[in-house]
C-alpha atoms as a PDB file:
ATOM      1  CA  MET A   1       3.020  13.164  26.075  1.00  0.00           C
ATOM      2  CA  SER A   2       5.771  15.685  26.125  1.00  0.00           C
ATOM      3  CA  GLY A   3       7.831  16.026  22.962  1.00  0.00           C
ATOM      4  CA  GLU A   4       5.110  14.754  20.577  1.00  0.00           C
ATOM      5  CA  LYS A   5       3.664  16.956  17.866  1.00  0.00           C
ATOM      6  CA  ALA A   6      -0.071  16.812  17.226  1.00  0.00           C
ATOM      7  CA  ALA A   7      -1.111  15.076  14.012  1.00  0.00           C
ATOM      8  CA  ARG A   8      -2.640  17.415  11.432  1.00  0.00           C
ATOM      9  CA  GLU A   9      -5.358  16.324   8.997  1.00  0.00           C
ATOM     10  CA  PHE A  10      -5.277  16.853   5.245  1.00  0.00           C
ATOM     11  CA  THR A  11      -6.821  15.495   2.056  1.00  0.00           C
ATOM     12  CA  ALA A  12      -4.767  13.098  -0.048  1.00  0.00           C
ATOM     13  CA  GLN A  13      -5.717  12.779  -3.700  1.00  0.00           C
ATOM     14  CA  MET A  14      -4.713  10.413  -6.440  1.00  0.00           C
ATOM     15  CA  SER A  15      -5.287  10.999 -10.123  1.00  0.00           C
ATOM     16  CA  VAL A  16      -4.434   9.357 -13.405  1.00  0.00           C
ATOM     17  CA  ARG A  17      -3.295  11.297 -16.434  1.00  0.00           C
ATOM     18  CA  HIS A  18      -1.861   9.890 -19.643  1.00  0.00           C
ATOM     19  CA  GLY A  19      -2.107   6.447 -18.025  1.00  0.00           C
ATOM     20  CA  LEU A  20       0.143   7.298 -15.056  1.00  0.00           C
ATOM     21  CA  TRP A  21      -1.058   7.482 -11.441  1.00  0.00           C
ATOM     22  CA  ARG A  22       0.045  10.193  -9.011  1.00  0.00           C
ATOM     23  CA  LEU A  23      -0.715  10.457  -5.271  1.00  0.00           C
ATOM     24  CA  TYR A  24      -0.304  13.780  -3.471  1.00  0.00           C
ATOM     25  CA  VAL A  25      -1.277  15.353  -0.163  1.00  0.00           C
ATOM     26  CA  VAL A  26      -3.003  18.724  -0.446  1.00  0.00           C
ATOM     27  CA  LEU A  27      -1.376  21.121   2.018  1.00  0.00           C
ATOM     28  CA  LEU A  28      -3.717  24.113   1.871  1.00  0.00           C
ATOM     29  CA  ASN A  29      -2.875  27.267   3.810  1.00  0.00           C
ATOM     30  CA  THR A  30       0.839  26.441   3.942  1.00  0.00           C
ATOM     31  CA  THR A  31       3.873  27.339   1.882  1.00  0.00           C
ATOM     32  CA  GLU A  32       5.098  23.741   1.999  1.00  0.00           C
ATOM     33  CA  GLN A  33       5.527  21.744  -1.204  1.00  0.00           C
ATOM     34  CA  TRP A  34       2.819  19.107  -1.565  1.00  0.00           C
ATOM     35  CA  PRO A  35       4.255  15.625  -0.900  1.00  0.00           C
ATOM     36  CA  GLU A  36       3.864  13.413  -3.942  1.00  0.00           C
ATOM     37  CA  HIS A  37       4.369   9.805  -5.021  1.00  0.00           C
ATOM     38  CA  ARG A  38       4.217   8.588  -8.629  1.00  0.00           C
ATOM     39  CA  PHE A  39       3.078   5.109  -9.608  1.00  0.00           C
ATOM     40  CA  GLY A  40       3.271   3.365 -12.957  1.00  0.00           C
ATOM     41  CA  ARG A  41       0.401   2.450 -15.260  1.00  0.00           C
ATOM     42  CA  ALA A  42      -1.132  -0.302 -13.089  1.00  0.00           C
ATOM     43  CA  VAL A  43      -3.944   0.873 -10.818  1.00  0.00           C
ATOM     44  CA  PRO A  44      -2.409   1.160  -7.317  1.00  0.00           C
ATOM     45  CA  THR A  45      -3.966  -1.231  -4.802  1.00  0.00           C
ATOM     46  CA  PHE A  46      -5.197  -0.135  -1.390  1.00  0.00           C
ATOM     47  CA  THR A  47      -1.930  -1.459   0.064  1.00  0.00           C
ATOM     48  CA  ASP A  48       0.135   0.416  -2.567  1.00  0.00           C
ATOM     49  CA  ARG A  49      -1.669   3.652  -1.680  1.00  0.00           C
ATOM     50  CA  THR A  50      -1.305   3.143   2.077  1.00  0.00           C
ATOM     51  CA  ASN A  51       2.406   2.331   1.733  1.00  0.00           C
ATOM     52  CA  ALA A  52       2.942   5.437  -0.422  1.00  0.00           C
ATOM     53  CA  LEU A  53       1.113   7.613   2.119  1.00  0.00           C
ATOM     54  CA  ASN A  54       3.252   6.168   4.922  1.00  0.00           C
ATOM     55  CA  ALA A  55       6.424   6.872   2.939  1.00  0.00           C
ATOM     56  CA  LEU A  56       5.230  10.477   2.595  1.00  0.00           C
ATOM     57  CA  GLY A  57       4.618  10.706   6.367  1.00  0.00           C
ATOM     58  CA  PHE A  58       0.823  10.260   6.432  1.00  0.00           C
ATOM     59  CA  GLU A  59      -1.809   7.641   7.213  1.00  0.00           C
ATOM     60  CA  PRO A  60      -5.556   7.435   6.513  1.00  0.00           C
ATOM     61  CA  VAL A  61      -7.750   8.862   9.280  1.00  0.00           C
ATOM     62  CA  ALA A  62      -9.553   6.095  11.188  1.00  0.00           C
ATOM     63  CA  GLY A  63     -12.733   5.168   9.323  1.00  0.00           C
ATOM     64  CA  ALA A  64     -11.857   7.211   6.220  1.00  0.00           C
ATOM     65  CA  GLU A  65     -12.617   5.697   2.816  1.00  0.00           C
ATOM     66  CA  TRP A  66     -11.377   6.486  -0.666  1.00  0.00           C
ATOM     67  CA  THR A  67     -13.980   8.378  -2.732  1.00  0.00           C
ATOM     68  CA  TRP A  68     -13.811   8.423  -6.534  1.00  0.00           C
ATOM     69  CA  THR A  69     -14.770  11.281  -8.847  1.00  0.00           C
ATOM     70  CA  GLU A  70     -14.834  11.415 -12.622  1.00  0.00           C
ATOM     71  CA  ASP A  71     -13.892  14.704 -14.279  1.00  0.00           C
ATOM     72  CA  SER A  72     -13.000  15.766 -17.802  1.00  0.00           C
ATOM     73  CA  GLU A  73      -9.653  16.989 -18.995  1.00  0.00           C
ATOM     74  CA  THR A  74     -11.347  19.821 -20.908  1.00  0.00           C
ATOM     75  CA  PRO A  75     -14.322  21.282 -19.015  1.00  0.00           C
ATOM     76  CA  ASP A  76     -17.614  21.534 -20.923  1.00  0.00           C
ATOM     77  CA  ASN A  77     -16.363  19.219 -23.697  1.00  0.00           C
ATOM     78  CA  PRO A  78     -18.249  15.899 -23.638  1.00  0.00           C
ATOM     79  CA  ALA A  79     -15.643  14.364 -25.981  1.00  0.00           C
ATOM     80  CA  SER A  80     -12.802  15.222 -23.569  1.00  0.00           C
ATOM     81  CA  PRO A  81     -10.741  12.394 -22.066  1.00  0.00           C
ATOM     82  CA  ILE A  82     -11.813  11.390 -18.557  1.00  0.00           C
ATOM     83  CA  VAL A  83      -9.687  12.149 -15.502  1.00  0.00           C
ATOM     84  CA  LEU A  84     -10.239   9.922 -12.469  1.00  0.00           C
ATOM     85  CA  ILE A  85      -9.579  11.505  -9.076  1.00  0.00           C
ATOM     86  CA  THR A  86      -9.799   9.758  -5.719  1.00  0.00           C
ATOM     87  CA  ALA A  87      -9.471  11.311  -2.284  1.00  0.00           C
ATOM     88  CA  ILE A  88      -9.183  10.299   1.365  1.00  0.00           C
ATOM     89  CA  GLN A  89      -8.706  12.153   4.630  1.00  0.00           C
ATOM     90  CA  VAL A  90      -5.239  11.572   6.089  1.00  0.00           C
ATOM     91  CA  ARG A  91      -3.266  12.709   9.090  1.00  0.00           C
ATOM     92  CA  SER A  92       0.399  13.318   9.523  1.00  0.00           C
ATOM     93  CA  LEU A  93       2.152  10.437  11.232  1.00  0.00           C
ATOM     94  CA  PRO A  94       3.033  11.154  14.859  1.00  0.00           C
ATOM     95  CA  GLU A  95       6.404  12.809  15.148  1.00  0.00           C
ATOM     96  CA  VAL A  96       8.462  12.595  18.297  1.00  0.00           C
ATOM     97  CA  SER A  97      11.203  15.134  18.773  1.00  0.00           C
ATOM     98  CA  ALA A  98      14.609  13.828  19.783  1.00  0.00           C
END
């Protein structure tokens, strides 16, 4: 498959803060800016998330599932507002050079 670049795998995360949802792809060990998509206040559906990932140039890895984690805005403060974070393994969409 000459001319095709190999897909690289990353972790995509989505979090909510102040009622607004944000999806981003964590590009560790690179100097590249992390691709990001912002949603409104409604919880993004699976389709919304997949479409946003595709627009950013990524897709979920086959068999990958979204995992949810609850964290606090202020560590060690039980009265702190909750921050929801979800993650999924993604891969860059195949790129074919012209």
